[in-house]
C-alpha atoms as a PDB file:
ATOM      1  CA  MET A   1      81.962  69.421  -3.739  1.00  0.00           C
ATOM      2  CA  ASN A   2      78.285  69.131  -3.887  1.00  0.00           C
ATOM      3  CA  TYR A   3      77.843  73.045  -4.767  1.00  0.00           C
ATOM      4  CA  VAL A   4      80.494  73.120  -7.286  1.00  0.00           C
ATOM      5  CA  ILE A   5      78.683  70.150  -9.371  1.00  0.00           C
ATOM      6  CA  LEU A   6      75.313  71.751  -8.780  1.00  0.00           C
ATOM      7  CA  THR A   7      76.885  75.077  -9.978  1.00  0.00           C
ATOM      8  CA  ILE A   8      78.250  73.563 -13.086  1.00  0.00           C
ATOM      9  CA  LEU A   9      74.863  71.655 -13.899  1.00  0.00           C
ATOM     10  CA  LEU A  10      73.024  74.925 -13.314  1.00  0.00           C
ATOM     11  CA  ALA A  11      75.320  76.688 -15.504  1.00  0.00           C
ATOM     12  CA  ALA A  12      74.860  74.075 -18.382  1.00  0.00           C
ATOM     13  CA  GLY A  13      71.249  74.348 -17.939  1.00  0.00           C
ATOM     14  CA  ILE A  14      71.007  78.002 -18.427  1.00  0.00           C
ATOM     15  CA  PHE A  15      73.365  77.732 -21.421  1.00  0.00           C
ATOM     16  CA  ASP A  16      70.992  74.871 -22.832  1.00  0.00           C
ATOM     17  CA  ILE A  17      68.143  77.303 -22.577  1.00  0.00           C
ATOM     18  CA  PHE A  18      70.010  79.854 -24.375  1.00  0.00           C
ATOM     19  CA  LEU A  19      70.742  77.713 -27.096  1.00  0.00           C
ATOM     20  CA  SER A  20      67.023  76.904 -27.438  1.00  0.00           C
ATOM     21  CA  VAL A  21      65.891  80.293 -27.320  1.00  0.00           C
ATOM     22  CA  THR A  22      68.264  81.249 -29.968  1.00  0.00           C
ATOM     23  CA  ALA A  23      67.500  78.258 -32.111  1.00  0.00           C
ATOM     24  CA  ARG A  24      70.768  76.720 -32.037  1.00  0.00           C
ATOM     25  CA  THR A  25      71.756  73.077 -31.608  1.00  0.00           C
ATOM     26  CA  THR A  26      71.253  72.211 -27.784  1.00  0.00           C
ATOM     27  CA  ILE A  27      73.491  70.316 -25.815  1.00  0.00           C
ATOM     28  CA  SER A  28      70.901  67.289 -25.912  1.00  0.00           C
ATOM     29  CA  GLN A  29      70.483  67.565 -29.745  1.00  0.00           C
ATOM     30  CA  ALA A  30      74.418  67.427 -30.207  1.00  0.00           C
ATOM     31  CA  TYR A  31      74.873  64.634 -27.992  1.00  0.00           C
ATOM     32  CA  GLN A  32      72.063  62.802 -29.979  1.00  0.00           C
ATOM     33  CA  LYS A  33      73.690  63.344 -33.141  1.00  0.00           C
ATOM     34  CA  LEU A  34      77.036  61.632 -31.840  1.00  0.00           C
ATOM     35  CA  PHE A  35      75.405  58.546 -30.471  1.00  0.00           C
ATOM     36  CA  ARG A  36      73.107  56.117 -31.712  1.00  0.00           C
ATOM     37  CA  THR A  37      70.037  54.485 -29.579  1.00  0.00           C
ATOM     38  CA  TRP A  38      71.954  51.317 -28.460  1.00  0.00           C
ATOM     39  CA  ILE A  39      75.213  53.330 -27.336  1.00  0.00           C
ATOM     40  CA  ASP A  40      72.678  55.472 -25.295  1.00  0.00           C
ATOM     41  CA  ILE A  41      71.315  52.457 -23.583  1.00  0.00           C
ATOM     42  CA  GLY A  42      74.728  51.325 -22.667  1.00  0.00           C
ATOM     43  CA  ILE A  43      75.722  54.875 -21.291  1.00  0.00           C
ATOM     44  CA  PHE A  44      72.522  55.053 -19.520  1.00  0.00           C
ATOM     45  CA  ALA A  45      72.742  51.596 -17.695  1.00  0.00           C
ATOM     46  CA  ALA A  46      76.396  52.438 -16.893  1.00  0.00           C
ATOM     47  CA  GLY A  47      75.436  56.004 -15.789  1.00  0.00           C
ATOM     48  CA  LEU A  48      72.579  54.545 -13.351  1.00  0.00           C
ATOM     49  CA  ALA A  49      74.830  51.890 -12.016  1.00  0.00           C
ATOM     50  CA  GLY A  50      77.302  54.457 -11.288  1.00  0.00           C
ATOM     51  CA  LEU A  51      74.721  56.709  -9.309  1.00  0.00           C
ATOM     52  CA  CYS A  52      73.443  53.620  -7.351  1.00  0.00           C
ATOM     53  CA  VAL A  53      77.131  52.688  -5.900  1.00  0.00           C
ATOM     54  CA  TRP A  54      78.400  56.351  -5.830  1.00  0.00           C
ATOM     55  CA  HIS A  55      76.940  56.718  -2.282  1.00  0.00           C
ATOM     56  CA  TYR A  56      79.358  54.008  -0.985  1.00  0.00           C
ATOM     57  CA  TYR A  57      82.405  55.682  -2.660  1.00  0.00           C
ATOM     58  CA  GLN A  58      81.621  59.217  -2.364  1.00  0.00           C
ATOM     59  CA  PRO A  59      79.399  59.437   1.135  1.00  0.00           C
ATOM     60  CA  GLU A  60      80.023  63.315   1.275  1.00  0.00           C
ATOM     61  CA  LEU A  61      77.840  63.650  -1.934  1.00  0.00           C
ATOM     62  CA  ASP A  62      74.026  63.659  -0.903  1.00  0.00           C
ATOM     63  CA  PHE A  63      70.931  62.548  -2.291  1.00  0.00           C
ATOM     64  CA  THR A  64      69.994  65.952  -3.649  1.00  0.00           C
ATOM     65  CA  LEU A  65      72.997  65.998  -6.281  1.00  0.00           C
ATOM     66  CA  ALA A  66      72.160  62.464  -7.134  1.00  0.00           C
ATOM     67  CA  VAL A  67      68.518  63.375  -8.120  1.00  0.00           C
ATOM     68  CA  VAL A  68      69.845  66.323 -10.340  1.00  0.00           C
ATOM     69  CA  MET A  69      72.377  64.198 -12.027  1.00  0.00           C
ATOM     70  CA  ALA A  70      69.676  61.461 -12.577  1.00  0.00           C
ATOM     71  CA  GLY A  71      67.441  64.213 -13.966  1.00  0.00           C
ATOM     72  CA  VAL A  72      70.248  65.549 -16.415  1.00  0.00           C
ATOM     73  CA  TRP A  73      71.272  62.039 -17.336  1.00  0.00           C
ATOM     74  CA  GLY A  74      68.023  61.099 -18.348  1.00  0.00           C
ATOM     75  CA  HIS A  75      67.299  64.680 -20.346  1.00  0.00           C
ATOM     76  CA  ILE A  76      70.473  63.887 -22.393  1.00  0.00           C
ATOM     77  CA  VAL A  77      70.607  60.296 -22.778  1.00  0.00           C
ATOM     78  CA  PHE A  78      66.679  59.200 -23.203  1.00  0.00           C
ATOM     79  CA  PRO A  79      65.731  59.245 -26.788  1.00  0.00           C
ATOM     80  CA  ASN A  80      63.073  61.920 -27.606  1.00  0.00           C
ATOM     81  CA  LYS A  81      61.513  63.580 -30.422  1.00  0.00           C
ATOM     82  CA  GLU A  82      64.865  65.426 -31.135  1.00  0.00           C
ATOM     83  CA  ARG A  83      66.592  62.155 -31.828  1.00  0.00           C
ATOM     84  CA  TYR A  84      64.560  61.347 -34.999  1.00  0.00           C
ATOM     85  CA  LYS A  85      65.655  64.673 -36.714  1.00  0.00           C
ATOM     86  CA  TYR A  86      68.775  62.795 -37.255  1.00  0.00           C
ATOM     87  CA  LEU A  87      68.216  59.307 -38.175  1.00  0.00           C
END
């Protein structure tokens, strides 16, 4: 299961780099168009809580996957300079 999720995340990352290089809207920018900051905070809190308790419900998923998913989560959810283009 770890390898499937990590492969999907890797493919999404490569696709996001392609979008960035070709000057198209990235996954992060599209997400930030849809959700406002207060919704981001709620989604981030729920995702963080989910990562914290995930180990108890899915022990076969290892710490490496949790770290990678936390990085992806933070990249998409945390407000950054891209967000201010759409306010």
